[in-house]
Amino acid sequence: MTEVEFHFNVGDKLAYSCRLLRKARAGGAKVMVTAEPNLLAQLDQMLWTFSTTEFLPHCRSDASPATVAVTPILLATSPSDPAFDGSPYGVLVNLGQDIPEGFERFERFIELVASAEDDRLSARRRWKHYKDRGYALKKYDLSNTADNA
């Protein structure tokens, strides 16, 4: 069963995502990130510029199938696209407000939740959805951590 984690009180979702993706990449994980198109575009730009000393290889879901196959970080509006069936991505990170269709195909699923009220309300709805379906949920409160810039 998919391991579901919520990271609450994320100060800056994009900056935190970059650090999370860097850590996942260092550990050899293949990660798919899902969100609304405008947020994915912002993350795409930030992944190119957030560090002057390293590069996190990534692509968008509209890249060629050959590129998607070898890229460790994929930015996609939906993990349910049939093109990703059987994909090697083991981790899904959701920056969006909705429940990603097909999240259950991943070994690990991470929901990032900012402290803004609208983000918290939609996270509560998603939490209830996963809990009602029997997923064991892990909660990480980042409000008092140095890693939450």
N, C-alpha and C. Protein backbone atom coordinates (compact mmCIF):
# COMPACT_ATOMS: atom_id res chain seq x y z
N MET A 1 0.84 -1.18 0.00
CA MET A 1 0.00 0.00 0.00
C MET A 1 0.89 1.25 0.00
N THR A 2 0.45 2.25 -0.68
CA THR A 2 1.18 3.51 -0.80
C THR A 2 1.38 4.15 0.58
N GLU A 3 2.61 4.60 0.84
CA GLU A 3 2.91 5.33 2.07
C GLU A 3 2.59 6.80 1.81
N VAL A 4 1.68 7.38 2.60
CA VAL A 4 1.23 8.76 2.40
C VAL A 4 1.77 9.64 3.53
N GLU A 5 2.45 10.73 3.14
CA GLU A 5 3.00 11.68 4.10
C GLU A 5 2.45 13.06 3.81
N PHE A 6 2.20 13.81 4.87
CA PHE A 6 1.84 15.21 4.74
C PHE A 6 2.94 16.04 5.41
N HIS A 7 3.48 16.99 4.68
CA HIS A 7 4.44 17.94 5.23
C HIS A 7 3.68 19.26 5.36
N PHE A 8 3.31 19.60 6.63
CA PHE A 8 2.49 20.77 6.92
C PHE A 8 3.34 22.00 7.23
N ASN A 9 2.75 23.16 7.05
CA ASN A 9 3.37 24.44 7.37
C ASN A 9 4.65 24.69 6.59
N VAL A 10 4.62 24.32 5.33
CA VAL A 10 5.75 24.57 4.44
C VAL A 10 5.77 26.07 4.14
N GLY A 11 6.88 26.73 4.45
CA GLY A 11 6.98 28.18 4.26
C GLY A 11 6.93 28.59 2.80
N ASP A 12 7.71 27.95 1.98
CA ASP A 12 7.78 28.24 0.55
C ASP A 12 7.78 26.90 -0.17
N LYS A 13 6.64 26.55 -0.77
CA LYS A 13 6.50 25.24 -1.41
C LYS A 13 7.57 24.99 -2.47
N LEU A 14 7.88 25.99 -3.27
CA LEU A 14 8.84 25.79 -4.36
C LEU A 14 10.25 25.57 -3.82
N ALA A 15 10.69 26.40 -2.89
CA ALA A 15 12.03 26.24 -2.31
C ALA A 15 12.14 24.90 -1.58
N TYR A 16 11.10 24.57 -0.81
CA TYR A 16 11.11 23.30 -0.09
C TYR A 16 11.13 22.12 -1.07
N SER A 17 10.36 22.24 -2.16
CA SER A 17 10.34 21.19 -3.18
C SER A 17 11.73 20.97 -3.77
N CYS A 18 12.42 22.06 -4.05
CA CYS A 18 13.77 21.93 -4.61
C CYS A 18 14.69 21.16 -3.66
N ARG A 19 14.63 21.50 -2.39
CA ARG A 19 15.48 20.79 -1.41
C ARG A 19 15.05 19.33 -1.26
N LEU A 20 13.74 19.09 -1.25
CA LEU A 20 13.23 17.72 -1.16
C LEU A 20 13.65 16.90 -2.38
N LEU A 21 13.56 17.49 -3.56
CA LEU A 21 13.96 16.80 -4.79
C LEU A 21 15.46 16.55 -4.83
N ARG A 22 16.24 17.49 -4.33
CA ARG A 22 17.69 17.29 -4.25
C ARG A 22 18.01 16.10 -3.35
N LYS A 23 17.35 16.03 -2.22
CA LYS A 23 17.57 14.92 -1.28
C LYS A 23 17.14 13.58 -1.90
N ALA A 24 15.99 13.57 -2.56
CA ALA A 24 15.50 12.34 -3.21
C ALA A 24 16.46 11.91 -4.32
N ARG A 25 16.94 12.86 -5.09
CA ARG A 25 17.88 12.56 -6.18
C ARG A 25 19.17 11.98 -5.62
N ALA A 26 19.67 12.55 -4.53
CA ALA A 26 20.89 12.04 -3.90
C ALA A 26 20.71 10.61 -3.42
N GLY A 27 19.48 10.27 -3.03
CA GLY A 27 19.18 8.91 -2.58
C GLY A 27 18.83 7.96 -3.71
N GLY A 28 18.86 8.45 -4.95
CA GLY A 28 18.61 7.59 -6.11
C GLY A 28 17.14 7.40 -6.47
N ALA A 29 16.24 8.15 -5.84
CA ALA A 29 14.81 8.01 -6.12
C ALA A 29 14.44 8.69 -7.44
N LYS A 30 13.44 8.13 -8.09
CA LYS A 30 12.83 8.77 -9.26
C LYS A 30 11.51 9.36 -8.79
N VAL A 31 11.34 10.66 -9.03
CA VAL A 31 10.23 11.40 -8.44
C VAL A 31 9.39 12.07 -9.52
N MET A 32 8.07 11.96 -9.37
CA MET A 32 7.14 12.71 -10.19
C MET A 32 6.53 13.79 -9.29
N VAL A 33 6.47 15.01 -9.80
CA VAL A 33 5.85 16.12 -9.08
C VAL A 33 4.61 16.52 -9.85
N THR A 34 3.50 16.66 -9.11
CA THR A 34 2.26 17.06 -9.74
C THR A 34 1.74 18.34 -9.10
N ALA A 35 1.14 19.18 -9.94
CA ALA A 35 0.55 20.44 -9.50
C ALA A 35 -0.19 21.06 -10.68
N GLU A 36 -0.76 22.22 -10.42
CA GLU A 36 -1.39 22.96 -11.49
C GLU A 36 -0.30 23.45 -12.45
N PRO A 37 -0.63 23.64 -13.73
CA PRO A 37 0.38 24.00 -14.73
C PRO A 37 1.22 25.23 -14.39
N ASN A 38 0.61 26.28 -13.84
CA ASN A 38 1.40 27.48 -13.53
C ASN A 38 2.41 27.24 -12.42
N LEU A 39 2.05 26.43 -11.44
CA LEU A 39 2.97 26.11 -10.35
C LEU A 39 4.10 25.22 -10.86
N LEU A 40 3.78 24.28 -11.74
CA LEU A 40 4.83 23.44 -12.34
C LEU A 40 5.80 24.27 -13.17
N ALA A 41 5.29 25.26 -13.87
CA ALA A 41 6.17 26.14 -14.66
C ALA A 41 7.12 26.91 -13.74
N GLN A 42 6.61 27.37 -12.61
CA GLN A 42 7.46 28.08 -11.65
C GLN A 42 8.53 27.15 -11.07
N LEU A 43 8.12 25.91 -10.74
CA LEU A 43 9.07 24.94 -10.21
C LEU A 43 10.13 24.60 -11.25
N ASP A 44 9.72 24.44 -12.50
CA ASP A 44 10.64 24.16 -13.59
C ASP A 44 11.73 25.23 -13.63
N GLN A 45 11.34 26.49 -13.59
CA GLN A 45 12.30 27.60 -13.61
C GLN A 45 13.20 27.58 -12.38
N MET A 46 12.61 27.33 -11.23
CA MET A 46 13.38 27.34 -10.00
C MET A 46 14.40 26.21 -9.94
N LEU A 47 14.05 25.05 -10.50
CA LEU A 47 15.00 23.93 -10.52
C LEU A 47 16.25 24.26 -11.33
N TRP A 48 16.12 25.17 -12.28
CA TRP A 48 17.28 25.59 -13.08
C TRP A 48 18.16 26.58 -12.33
N THR A 49 17.58 27.28 -11.36
CA THR A 49 18.31 28.40 -10.76
C THR A 49 18.53 28.32 -9.26
N PHE A 50 17.94 27.38 -8.55
CA PHE A 50 17.99 27.43 -7.09
C PHE A 50 19.37 27.16 -6.51
N SER A 51 20.24 26.50 -7.24
CA SER A 51 21.59 26.24 -6.75
C SER A 51 22.60 26.56 -7.86
N THR A 52 23.64 27.28 -7.49
CA THR A 52 24.67 27.62 -8.47
C THR A 52 25.71 26.52 -8.63
N THR A 53 25.68 25.54 -7.73
CA THR A 53 26.72 24.50 -7.76
C THR A 53 26.23 23.13 -8.20
N GLU A 54 24.94 22.98 -8.43
CA GLU A 54 24.44 21.67 -8.84
C GLU A 54 23.21 21.82 -9.74
N PHE A 55 22.94 20.77 -10.47
CA PHE A 55 21.79 20.74 -11.37
C PHE A 55 20.96 19.51 -11.05
N LEU A 56 19.67 19.68 -10.96
CA LEU A 56 18.77 18.55 -10.77
C LEU A 56 18.12 18.23 -12.10
N PRO A 57 18.50 17.11 -12.72
CA PRO A 57 17.92 16.76 -14.02
C PRO A 57 16.42 16.53 -13.89
N HIS A 58 15.68 17.24 -14.72
CA HIS A 58 14.23 17.15 -14.68
C HIS A 58 13.68 17.46 -16.06
N CYS A 59 12.43 17.06 -16.27
CA CYS A 59 11.75 17.42 -17.51
C CYS A 59 10.26 17.50 -17.24
N ARG A 60 9.57 18.07 -18.19
CA ARG A 60 8.11 18.15 -18.11
C ARG A 60 7.54 16.93 -18.82
N SER A 61 6.30 16.64 -18.53
CA SER A 61 5.68 15.43 -19.07
C SER A 61 5.49 15.46 -20.58
N ASP A 62 5.60 16.63 -21.20
CA ASP A 62 5.47 16.69 -22.65
C ASP A 62 6.80 16.48 -23.38
N ALA A 63 7.84 16.12 -22.64
CA ALA A 63 9.13 15.79 -23.26
C ALA A 63 8.99 14.48 -24.02
N SER A 64 9.98 14.18 -24.84
CA SER A 64 9.93 12.94 -25.61
C SER A 64 9.92 11.73 -24.66
N PRO A 65 9.33 10.62 -25.08
CA PRO A 65 9.33 9.42 -24.23
C PRO A 65 10.74 8.98 -23.84
N ALA A 66 11.71 9.15 -24.74
CA ALA A 66 13.09 8.77 -24.43
C ALA A 66 13.65 9.64 -23.31
N THR A 67 13.33 10.93 -23.33
CA THR A 67 13.81 11.84 -22.28
C THR A 67 13.14 11.51 -20.95
N VAL A 68 11.83 11.32 -20.98
CA VAL A 68 11.10 10.98 -19.76
C VAL A 68 11.65 9.70 -19.14
N ALA A 69 12.00 8.73 -19.97
CA ALA A 69 12.48 7.44 -19.48
C ALA A 69 13.79 7.54 -18.69
N VAL A 70 14.61 8.52 -18.99
CA VAL A 70 15.92 8.61 -18.33
C VAL A 70 16.04 9.77 -17.34
N THR A 71 14.97 10.52 -17.15
CA THR A 71 15.03 11.68 -16.28
C THR A 71 14.51 11.33 -14.89
N PRO A 72 15.28 11.65 -13.85
CA PRO A 72 14.88 11.25 -12.49
C PRO A 72 13.77 12.08 -11.87
N ILE A 73 13.51 13.29 -12.40
CA ILE A 73 12.46 14.14 -11.85
C ILE A 73 11.54 14.55 -12.99
N LEU A 74 10.27 14.21 -12.86
CA LEU A 74 9.29 14.50 -13.90
C LEU A 74 8.23 15.43 -13.34
N LEU A 75 7.95 16.51 -14.06
CA LEU A 75 6.92 17.47 -13.68
C LEU A 75 5.69 17.19 -14.54
N ALA A 76 4.57 16.85 -13.90
CA ALA A 76 3.37 16.45 -14.64
C ALA A 76 2.12 16.99 -13.97
N THR A 77 1.14 17.37 -14.76
CA THR A 77 -0.11 17.84 -14.17
C THR A 77 -0.94 16.70 -13.60
N SER A 78 -0.69 15.47 -14.08
CA SER A 78 -1.44 14.32 -13.58
C SER A 78 -0.61 13.05 -13.71
N PRO A 79 -0.51 12.27 -12.65
CA PRO A 79 0.20 10.99 -12.74
C PRO A 79 -0.63 9.89 -13.38
N SER A 80 -1.90 10.19 -13.73
CA SER A 80 -2.76 9.15 -14.29
C SER A 80 -2.65 9.03 -15.80
N ASP A 81 -1.82 9.85 -16.42
CA ASP A 81 -1.62 9.78 -17.87
C ASP A 81 -1.19 8.35 -18.24
N PRO A 82 -1.86 7.71 -19.20
CA PRO A 82 -1.49 6.35 -19.60
C PRO A 82 -0.03 6.21 -20.03
N ALA A 83 0.58 7.28 -20.47
CA ALA A 83 1.99 7.23 -20.87
C ALA A 83 2.90 6.88 -19.70
N PHE A 84 2.43 7.09 -18.47
CA PHE A 84 3.25 6.82 -17.30
C PHE A 84 2.95 5.48 -16.65
N ASP A 85 2.03 4.70 -17.21
CA ASP A 85 1.75 3.37 -16.66
C ASP A 85 3.03 2.55 -16.68
N GLY A 86 3.34 1.95 -15.56
CA GLY A 86 4.54 1.14 -15.47
C GLY A 86 5.80 1.97 -15.39
N SER A 87 5.66 3.27 -15.13
CA SER A 87 6.84 4.13 -15.07
C SER A 87 7.66 3.79 -13.83
N PRO A 88 8.95 4.09 -13.89
CA PRO A 88 9.83 3.75 -12.78
C PRO A 88 9.79 4.76 -11.63
N TYR A 89 8.90 5.72 -11.69
CA TYR A 89 8.84 6.73 -10.63
C TYR A 89 8.21 6.12 -9.39
N GLY A 90 8.97 6.09 -8.29
CA GLY A 90 8.49 5.47 -7.05
C GLY A 90 7.90 6.46 -6.08
N VAL A 91 8.21 7.76 -6.28
CA VAL A 91 7.75 8.79 -5.35
C VAL A 91 6.92 9.82 -6.12
N LEU A 92 5.80 10.20 -5.53
CA LEU A 92 4.96 11.26 -6.07
C LEU A 92 4.90 12.38 -5.04
N VAL A 93 5.16 13.61 -5.49
CA VAL A 93 5.05 14.79 -4.64
C VAL A 93 3.93 15.65 -5.21
N ASN A 94 2.96 16.01 -4.36
CA ASN A 94 1.83 16.83 -4.79
C ASN A 94 1.95 18.23 -4.21
N LEU A 95 2.06 19.21 -5.10
CA LEU A 95 2.05 20.62 -4.69
C LEU A 95 0.68 21.23 -4.90
N GLY A 96 -0.20 20.51 -5.53
CA GLY A 96 -1.51 21.03 -5.92
C GLY A 96 -2.56 20.94 -4.84
N GLN A 97 -3.75 21.37 -5.20
CA GLN A 97 -4.88 21.42 -4.27
C GLN A 97 -5.79 20.20 -4.38
N ASP A 98 -5.60 19.39 -5.40
CA ASP A 98 -6.49 18.26 -5.63
C ASP A 98 -5.81 16.94 -5.33
N ILE A 99 -6.61 15.90 -5.24
CA ILE A 99 -6.10 14.54 -5.06
C ILE A 99 -5.64 14.05 -6.43
N PRO A 100 -4.35 13.74 -6.56
CA PRO A 100 -3.86 13.29 -7.87
C PRO A 100 -4.41 11.90 -8.22
N GLU A 101 -5.10 11.82 -9.33
CA GLU A 101 -5.63 10.55 -9.79
C GLU A 101 -4.46 9.62 -10.10
N GLY A 102 -4.48 8.42 -9.54
CA GLY A 102 -3.41 7.46 -9.79
C GLY A 102 -2.30 7.49 -8.75
N PHE A 103 -2.47 8.24 -7.66
CA PHE A 103 -1.42 8.32 -6.64
C PHE A 103 -1.09 6.96 -6.04
N GLU A 104 -2.06 6.06 -6.04
CA GLU A 104 -1.89 4.75 -5.40
C GLU A 104 -0.90 3.85 -6.15
N ARG A 105 -0.46 4.24 -7.33
CA ARG A 105 0.53 3.46 -8.09
C ARG A 105 1.95 3.66 -7.55
N PHE A 106 2.13 4.66 -6.69
CA PHE A 106 3.45 5.02 -6.20
C PHE A 106 3.71 4.37 -4.84
N GLU A 107 4.98 4.06 -4.58
CA GLU A 107 5.35 3.49 -3.29
C GLU A 107 5.20 4.53 -2.18
N ARG A 108 5.57 5.76 -2.51
CA ARG A 108 5.56 6.84 -1.52
C ARG A 108 4.91 8.07 -2.13
N PHE A 109 4.07 8.71 -1.35
CA PHE A 109 3.32 9.87 -1.82
C PHE A 109 3.43 10.97 -0.77
N ILE A 110 3.92 12.15 -1.19
CA ILE A 110 4.16 13.26 -0.27
C ILE A 110 3.30 14.45 -0.67
N GLU A 111 2.48 14.90 0.27
CA GLU A 111 1.65 16.08 0.09
C GLU A 111 2.34 17.25 0.78
N LEU A 112 2.58 18.35 0.05
CA LEU A 112 3.16 19.55 0.65
C LEU A 112 2.06 20.56 0.89
N VAL A 113 2.00 21.07 2.11
CA VAL A 113 0.91 21.96 2.51
C VAL A 113 1.49 23.23 3.12
N ALA A 114 1.18 24.37 2.52
CA ALA A 114 1.61 25.67 3.04
C ALA A 114 0.73 26.06 4.22
N SER A 115 1.09 27.14 4.88
CA SER A 115 0.31 27.57 6.04
C SER A 115 -0.89 28.45 5.66
N ALA A 116 -1.03 28.80 4.40
CA ALA A 116 -2.18 29.59 3.95
C ALA A 116 -3.48 28.81 4.19
N GLU A 117 -4.51 29.53 4.58
CA GLU A 117 -5.77 28.89 4.96
C GLU A 117 -6.37 28.04 3.84
N ASP A 118 -6.35 28.53 2.60
CA ASP A 118 -6.94 27.75 1.50
C ASP A 118 -6.16 26.44 1.28
N ASP A 119 -4.86 26.49 1.44
CA ASP A 119 -4.04 25.29 1.29
C ASP A 119 -4.34 24.29 2.42
N ARG A 120 -4.47 24.80 3.62
CA ARG A 120 -4.76 23.94 4.78
C ARG A 120 -6.14 23.28 4.64
N LEU A 121 -7.13 24.04 4.16
CA LEU A 121 -8.48 23.49 4.00
C LEU A 121 -8.51 22.38 2.96
N SER A 122 -7.86 22.58 1.83
CA SER A 122 -7.85 21.52 0.82
C SER A 122 -7.05 20.32 1.31
N ALA A 123 -6.01 20.56 2.12
CA ALA A 123 -5.22 19.44 2.69
C ALA A 123 -6.07 18.62 3.65
N ARG A 124 -6.90 19.27 4.41
CA ARG A 124 -7.78 18.53 5.33
C ARG A 124 -8.73 17.62 4.55
N ARG A 125 -9.23 18.13 3.44
CA ARG A 125 -10.12 17.32 2.60
C ARG A 125 -9.36 16.11 2.05
N ARG A 126 -8.13 16.32 1.59
CA ARG A 126 -7.33 15.21 1.05
C ARG A 126 -6.98 14.21 2.16
N TRP A 127 -6.61 14.71 3.34
CA TRP A 127 -6.29 13.85 4.48
C TRP A 127 -7.47 12.92 4.77
N LYS A 128 -8.67 13.47 4.85
CA LYS A 128 -9.86 12.68 5.12
C LYS A 128 -10.08 11.63 4.03
N HIS A 129 -9.87 12.01 2.78
CA HIS A 129 -10.03 11.08 1.66
C HIS A 129 -9.11 9.87 1.83
N TYR A 130 -7.84 10.12 2.10
CA TYR A 130 -6.87 9.01 2.24
C TYR A 130 -7.18 8.17 3.48
N LYS A 131 -7.50 8.84 4.58
CA LYS A 131 -7.79 8.12 5.83
C LYS A 131 -9.01 7.23 5.68
N ASP A 132 -10.06 7.75 5.02
CA ASP A 132 -11.29 6.98 4.81
C ASP A 132 -11.05 5.74 3.95
N ARG A 133 -9.97 5.74 3.18
CA ARG A 133 -9.65 4.60 2.32
C ARG A 133 -8.60 3.67 2.94
N GLY A 134 -8.26 3.92 4.18
CA GLY A 134 -7.41 3.01 4.92
C GLY A 134 -5.92 3.24 4.81
N TYR A 135 -5.51 4.36 4.26
CA TYR A 135 -4.07 4.64 4.17
C TYR A 135 -3.56 5.08 5.53
N ALA A 136 -2.39 4.54 5.90
CA ALA A 136 -1.72 4.99 7.12
C ALA A 136 -1.04 6.31 6.77
N LEU A 137 -1.35 7.36 7.52
CA LEU A 137 -0.85 8.68 7.20
C LEU A 137 0.24 9.10 8.18
N LYS A 138 1.26 9.73 7.64
CA LYS A 138 2.32 10.30 8.46
C LYS A 138 2.24 11.81 8.35
N LYS A 139 2.47 12.48 9.47
CA LYS A 139 2.35 13.93 9.50
C LYS A 139 3.68 14.53 9.98
N TYR A 140 4.17 15.51 9.23
CA TYR A 140 5.39 16.23 9.59
C TYR A 140 5.05 17.71 9.65
N ASP A 141 5.17 18.30 10.85
CA ASP A 141 4.90 19.72 11.02
C ASP A 141 6.23 20.47 10.90
N LEU A 142 6.34 21.30 9.89
CA LEU A 142 7.59 22.00 9.61
C LEU A 142 7.63 23.42 10.16
N SER A 143 6.67 23.78 11.00
CA SER A 143 6.57 25.17 11.45
C SER A 143 7.78 25.61 12.27
N ASN A 144 8.47 24.70 12.91
CA ASN A 144 9.60 25.08 13.76
C ASN A 144 10.91 24.45 13.29
N THR A 145 11.05 24.21 11.99
CA THR A 145 12.28 23.60 11.51
C THR A 145 13.08 24.59 10.67
N ALA A 146 14.38 24.44 10.71
CA ALA A 146 15.27 25.30 9.93
C ALA A 146 15.19 24.98 8.44
N ASP A 147 14.69 23.79 8.10
CA ASP A 147 14.63 23.34 6.71
C ASP A 147 13.39 23.87 5.98
N ASN A 148 12.71 24.81 6.59
CA ASN A 148 11.42 25.25 6.06
C ASN A 148 11.45 26.69 5.55
N ALA A 149 12.47 27.05 4.85
CA ALA A 149 12.54 28.43 4.31
C ALA A 149 11.71 28.55 3.07
